[in-house]
Amino acid sequence: MARTVGDFKAAIGHLEMTSVTESKSPLKVLPVDGYMPTQENMEKGIYPFGTTLSIITKGEARDGVVKLIEYVRNHPNAKKVMNRYGMSQLKSR
């Protein structure tokens, strides 16, 4: 999608920040209501567009899933990747 939007001079698109970050297209990120889509603005809830990524299991999470969730929540490498793409940490419900 990022490439398609980037190929057209007057195109406007709604993309995930990971797409924009990884894109080699000359995309320009625009503010909405004066706010840029930064990790801080997303966490504060002042940037109006955001997506929640959820991990949902059927029944109780089993060993491999529990390990994945713990890795994403706690491992420094997972946090580095999430920060690179402007993603916020998982929150328990």
N, C-alpha and C. Protein backbone atom coordinates (compact mmCIF):
# COMPACT_ATOMS: atom_id res chain seq x y z
N MET A 1 0.82 -1.18 0.00
CA MET A 1 0.00 0.00 0.00
C MET A 1 0.87 1.25 0.00
N ALA A 2 1.94 1.25 0.79
CA ALA A 2 2.80 2.43 0.86
C ALA A 2 3.39 2.74 -0.51
N ARG A 3 3.80 1.73 -1.23
CA ARG A 3 4.36 1.95 -2.56
C ARG A 3 3.31 2.54 -3.50
N THR A 4 2.09 2.02 -3.44
CA THR A 4 1.01 2.50 -4.29
C THR A 4 0.72 3.96 -4.02
N VAL A 5 0.60 4.31 -2.75
CA VAL A 5 0.35 5.71 -2.39
C VAL A 5 1.52 6.57 -2.83
N GLY A 6 2.73 6.09 -2.63
CA GLY A 6 3.93 6.84 -3.00
C GLY A 6 4.11 7.02 -4.50
N ASP A 7 3.49 6.15 -5.29
CA ASP A 7 3.62 6.24 -6.75
C ASP A 7 2.77 7.35 -7.36
N PHE A 8 1.81 7.88 -6.63
CA PHE A 8 0.92 8.90 -7.17
C PHE A 8 1.11 10.21 -6.42
N LYS A 9 1.43 11.26 -7.17
CA LYS A 9 1.78 12.54 -6.58
C LYS A 9 0.69 13.10 -5.66
N ALA A 10 -0.57 12.97 -6.02
CA ALA A 10 -1.66 13.57 -5.25
C ALA A 10 -2.41 12.56 -4.39
N ALA A 11 -1.85 11.38 -4.17
CA ALA A 11 -2.55 10.34 -3.42
C ALA A 11 -2.54 10.63 -1.92
N ILE A 12 -3.60 10.20 -1.27
CA ILE A 12 -3.70 10.24 0.19
C ILE A 12 -4.07 8.84 0.64
N GLY A 13 -3.41 8.34 1.65
CA GLY A 13 -3.71 7.01 2.14
C GLY A 13 -3.61 6.94 3.65
N HIS A 14 -4.25 5.96 4.22
CA HIS A 14 -4.17 5.71 5.67
C HIS A 14 -3.40 4.41 5.83
N LEU A 15 -2.18 4.51 6.37
CA LEU A 15 -1.29 3.36 6.49
C LEU A 15 -0.83 3.17 7.92
N GLU A 16 -0.41 1.96 8.24
CA GLU A 16 0.23 1.72 9.52
C GLU A 16 1.60 2.37 9.49
N MET A 17 2.07 2.84 10.65
CA MET A 17 3.38 3.48 10.70
C MET A 17 4.49 2.51 10.32
N THR A 18 4.29 1.21 10.57
CA THR A 18 5.31 0.25 10.16
C THR A 18 5.47 0.27 8.65
N SER A 19 4.38 0.44 7.90
CA SER A 19 4.46 0.54 6.44
C SER A 19 5.21 1.78 6.01
N VAL A 20 4.96 2.87 6.69
CA VAL A 20 5.61 4.13 6.34
C VAL A 20 7.09 4.06 6.69
N THR A 21 7.41 3.49 7.85
CA THR A 21 8.80 3.39 8.30
C THR A 21 9.62 2.53 7.35
N GLU A 22 9.06 1.44 6.89
CA GLU A 22 9.79 0.51 6.04
C GLU A 22 9.75 0.88 4.56
N SER A 23 8.89 1.80 4.18
CA SER A 23 8.70 2.15 2.79
C SER A 23 9.89 2.92 2.23
N LYS A 24 10.20 2.64 0.99
CA LYS A 24 11.24 3.40 0.30
C LYS A 24 10.60 4.50 -0.56
N SER A 25 9.29 4.63 -0.46
CA SER A 25 8.56 5.65 -1.20
C SER A 25 8.71 6.99 -0.49
N PRO A 26 8.63 8.08 -1.24
CA PRO A 26 8.75 9.41 -0.63
C PRO A 26 7.44 9.86 0.03
N LEU A 27 7.02 9.15 1.06
CA LEU A 27 5.76 9.48 1.71
C LEU A 27 5.94 10.62 2.70
N LYS A 28 4.90 11.43 2.84
CA LYS A 28 4.91 12.51 3.81
C LYS A 28 3.80 12.21 4.81
N VAL A 29 4.17 12.14 6.09
CA VAL A 29 3.21 11.88 7.15
C VAL A 29 2.61 13.22 7.55
N LEU A 30 1.28 13.28 7.57
CA LEU A 30 0.59 14.53 7.89
C LEU A 30 -0.01 14.49 9.28
N PRO A 31 -0.07 15.63 9.95
CA PRO A 31 -0.73 15.68 11.26
C PRO A 31 -2.25 15.63 11.09
N VAL A 32 -2.93 15.13 12.08
CA VAL A 32 -4.39 15.13 12.12
C VAL A 32 -4.77 15.94 13.35
N ASP A 33 -5.58 16.95 13.15
CA ASP A 33 -5.95 17.86 14.24
C ASP A 33 -4.72 18.43 14.94
N GLY A 34 -3.63 18.61 14.17
CA GLY A 34 -2.41 19.20 14.70
C GLY A 34 -1.47 18.21 15.37
N TYR A 35 -1.82 16.94 15.39
CA TYR A 35 -0.99 15.94 16.07
C TYR A 35 -0.40 14.96 15.07
N MET A 36 0.89 14.70 15.23
CA MET A 36 1.57 13.70 14.41
C MET A 36 1.35 12.33 15.04
N PRO A 37 1.43 11.27 14.24
CA PRO A 37 1.21 9.92 14.78
C PRO A 37 2.45 9.37 15.47
N THR A 38 2.85 10.02 16.55
CA THR A 38 4.00 9.55 17.31
C THR A 38 3.55 8.54 18.36
N GLN A 39 4.49 7.76 18.85
CA GLN A 39 4.18 6.79 19.89
C GLN A 39 3.61 7.51 21.11
N GLU A 40 4.20 8.63 21.48
CA GLU A 40 3.73 9.39 22.64
C GLU A 40 2.29 9.87 22.44
N ASN A 41 1.98 10.42 21.27
CA ASN A 41 0.63 10.91 21.00
C ASN A 41 -0.38 9.78 20.96
N MET A 42 0.04 8.62 20.48
CA MET A 42 -0.86 7.46 20.47
C MET A 42 -1.16 7.02 21.91
N GLU A 43 -0.10 6.95 22.73
CA GLU A 43 -0.29 6.50 24.11
C GLU A 43 -1.14 7.47 24.92
N LYS A 44 -1.02 8.76 24.62
CA LYS A 44 -1.83 9.77 25.31
C LYS A 44 -3.26 9.81 24.79
N GLY A 45 -3.50 9.20 23.62
CA GLY A 45 -4.83 9.19 23.02
C GLY A 45 -5.19 10.49 22.33
N ILE A 46 -4.18 11.33 22.01
CA ILE A 46 -4.49 12.61 21.36
C ILE A 46 -4.38 12.53 19.84
N TYR A 47 -3.73 11.48 19.31
CA TYR A 47 -3.77 11.26 17.86
C TYR A 47 -4.99 10.39 17.62
N PRO A 48 -5.91 10.82 16.74
CA PRO A 48 -7.21 10.16 16.65
C PRO A 48 -7.26 8.79 15.98
N PHE A 49 -6.22 8.39 15.27
CA PHE A 49 -6.25 7.10 14.58
C PHE A 49 -5.19 6.18 15.16
N GLY A 50 -5.59 5.01 15.49
CA GLY A 50 -4.65 4.02 16.02
C GLY A 50 -5.29 2.66 15.95
N THR A 51 -4.46 1.66 16.04
CA THR A 51 -4.95 0.29 15.98
C THR A 51 -4.42 -0.47 17.18
N THR A 52 -5.26 -1.27 17.77
CA THR A 52 -4.84 -2.11 18.88
C THR A 52 -4.59 -3.50 18.34
N LEU A 53 -3.41 -3.98 18.59
CA LEU A 53 -3.07 -5.35 18.23
C LEU A 53 -3.34 -6.22 19.44
N SER A 54 -4.15 -7.23 19.27
CA SER A 54 -4.53 -8.09 20.38
C SER A 54 -4.06 -9.51 20.14
N ILE A 55 -3.74 -10.17 21.21
CA ILE A 55 -3.45 -11.61 21.16
C ILE A 55 -4.61 -12.30 21.85
N ILE A 56 -5.35 -13.08 21.10
CA ILE A 56 -6.56 -13.72 21.61
C ILE A 56 -6.39 -15.23 21.48
N THR A 57 -6.74 -15.94 22.52
CA THR A 57 -6.64 -17.40 22.48
C THR A 57 -8.00 -18.03 22.72
N LYS A 58 -8.14 -19.23 22.27
CA LYS A 58 -9.34 -20.01 22.55
C LYS A 58 -9.05 -20.75 23.85
N GLY A 59 -9.70 -20.35 24.91
CA GLY A 59 -9.42 -20.94 26.21
C GLY A 59 -8.16 -20.34 26.81
N GLU A 60 -7.60 -21.04 27.77
CA GLU A 60 -6.37 -20.58 28.42
C GLU A 60 -5.21 -20.66 27.43
N ALA A 61 -4.32 -19.68 27.51
CA ALA A 61 -3.13 -19.68 26.65
C ALA A 61 -2.23 -20.85 27.05
N ARG A 62 -1.73 -21.54 26.06
CA ARG A 62 -0.85 -22.69 26.33
C ARG A 62 0.60 -22.24 26.36
N ASP A 63 1.50 -23.16 26.66
CA ASP A 63 2.91 -22.85 26.90
C ASP A 63 3.55 -21.95 25.84
N GLY A 64 3.44 -22.33 24.57
CA GLY A 64 4.08 -21.54 23.52
C GLY A 64 3.52 -20.14 23.40
N VAL A 65 2.22 -20.01 23.56
CA VAL A 65 1.57 -18.70 23.48
C VAL A 65 1.95 -17.85 24.68
N VAL A 66 1.98 -18.46 25.86
CA VAL A 66 2.37 -17.74 27.06
C VAL A 66 3.80 -17.23 26.91
N LYS A 67 4.69 -18.06 26.37
CA LYS A 67 6.08 -17.64 26.16
C LYS A 67 6.16 -16.48 25.18
N LEU A 68 5.37 -16.53 24.11
CA LEU A 68 5.35 -15.44 23.13
C LEU A 68 4.88 -14.14 23.78
N ILE A 69 3.80 -14.20 24.53
CA ILE A 69 3.27 -13.01 25.19
C ILE A 69 4.29 -12.44 26.17
N GLU A 70 4.91 -13.29 26.96
CA GLU A 70 5.92 -12.83 27.91
C GLU A 70 7.12 -12.23 27.19
N TYR A 71 7.51 -12.82 26.08
CA TYR A 71 8.63 -12.29 25.29
C TYR A 71 8.29 -10.88 24.79
N VAL A 72 7.12 -10.72 24.21
CA VAL A 72 6.72 -9.42 23.68
C VAL A 72 6.60 -8.39 24.79
N ARG A 73 6.11 -8.79 25.93
CA ARG A 73 5.95 -7.86 27.06
C ARG A 73 7.27 -7.48 27.71
N ASN A 74 8.21 -8.43 27.80
CA ASN A 74 9.35 -8.23 28.67
C ASN A 74 10.73 -8.22 28.04
N HIS A 75 10.90 -8.81 26.89
CA HIS A 75 12.25 -8.95 26.34
C HIS A 75 12.74 -7.63 25.75
N PRO A 76 13.97 -7.23 26.09
CA PRO A 76 14.51 -5.97 25.56
C PRO A 76 14.51 -5.89 24.03
N ASN A 77 14.78 -7.00 23.34
CA ASN A 77 14.77 -6.97 21.88
C ASN A 77 13.37 -6.70 21.33
N ALA A 78 12.36 -7.26 21.96
CA ALA A 78 10.98 -7.01 21.52
C ALA A 78 10.63 -5.55 21.72
N LYS A 79 11.05 -4.99 22.85
CA LYS A 79 10.78 -3.57 23.12
C LYS A 79 11.49 -2.67 22.11
N LYS A 80 12.72 -3.03 21.72
CA LYS A 80 13.45 -2.24 20.72
C LYS A 80 12.72 -2.23 19.38
N VAL A 81 12.25 -3.40 18.97
CA VAL A 81 11.52 -3.50 17.70
C VAL A 81 10.23 -2.69 17.77
N MET A 82 9.51 -2.82 18.87
CA MET A 82 8.26 -2.08 19.01
C MET A 82 8.51 -0.58 18.99
N ASN A 83 9.55 -0.13 19.67
CA ASN A 83 9.87 1.29 19.66
C ASN A 83 10.28 1.78 18.27
N ARG A 84 11.03 0.96 17.54
CA ARG A 84 11.45 1.34 16.18
C ARG A 84 10.25 1.62 15.29
N TYR A 85 9.18 0.88 15.48
CA TYR A 85 7.99 1.04 14.66
C TYR A 85 6.90 1.87 15.32
N GLY A 86 7.21 2.50 16.44
CA GLY A 86 6.24 3.37 17.10
C GLY A 86 5.10 2.63 17.76
N MET A 87 5.33 1.39 18.16
CA MET A 87 4.29 0.59 18.80
C MET A 87 4.39 0.72 20.30
N SER A 88 3.27 0.66 20.98
CA SER A 88 3.23 0.72 22.44
C SER A 88 3.28 -0.69 23.01
N GLN A 89 3.64 -0.77 24.26
CA GLN A 89 3.71 -2.05 24.94
C GLN A 89 2.33 -2.68 25.13
N LEU A 90 2.35 -4.00 25.22
CA LEU A 90 1.11 -4.73 25.51
C LEU A 90 0.63 -4.40 26.92
N LYS A 91 -0.66 -4.34 27.06
CA LYS A 91 -1.25 -4.12 28.38
C LYS A 91 -2.14 -5.31 28.70
N SER A 92 -2.11 -5.72 29.95
CA SER A 92 -2.95 -6.84 30.39
C SER A 92 -4.37 -6.36 30.56
N ARG A 93 -5.30 -7.25 30.34
CA ARG A 93 -6.71 -6.94 30.55
C ARG A 93 -7.28 -7.86 31.57
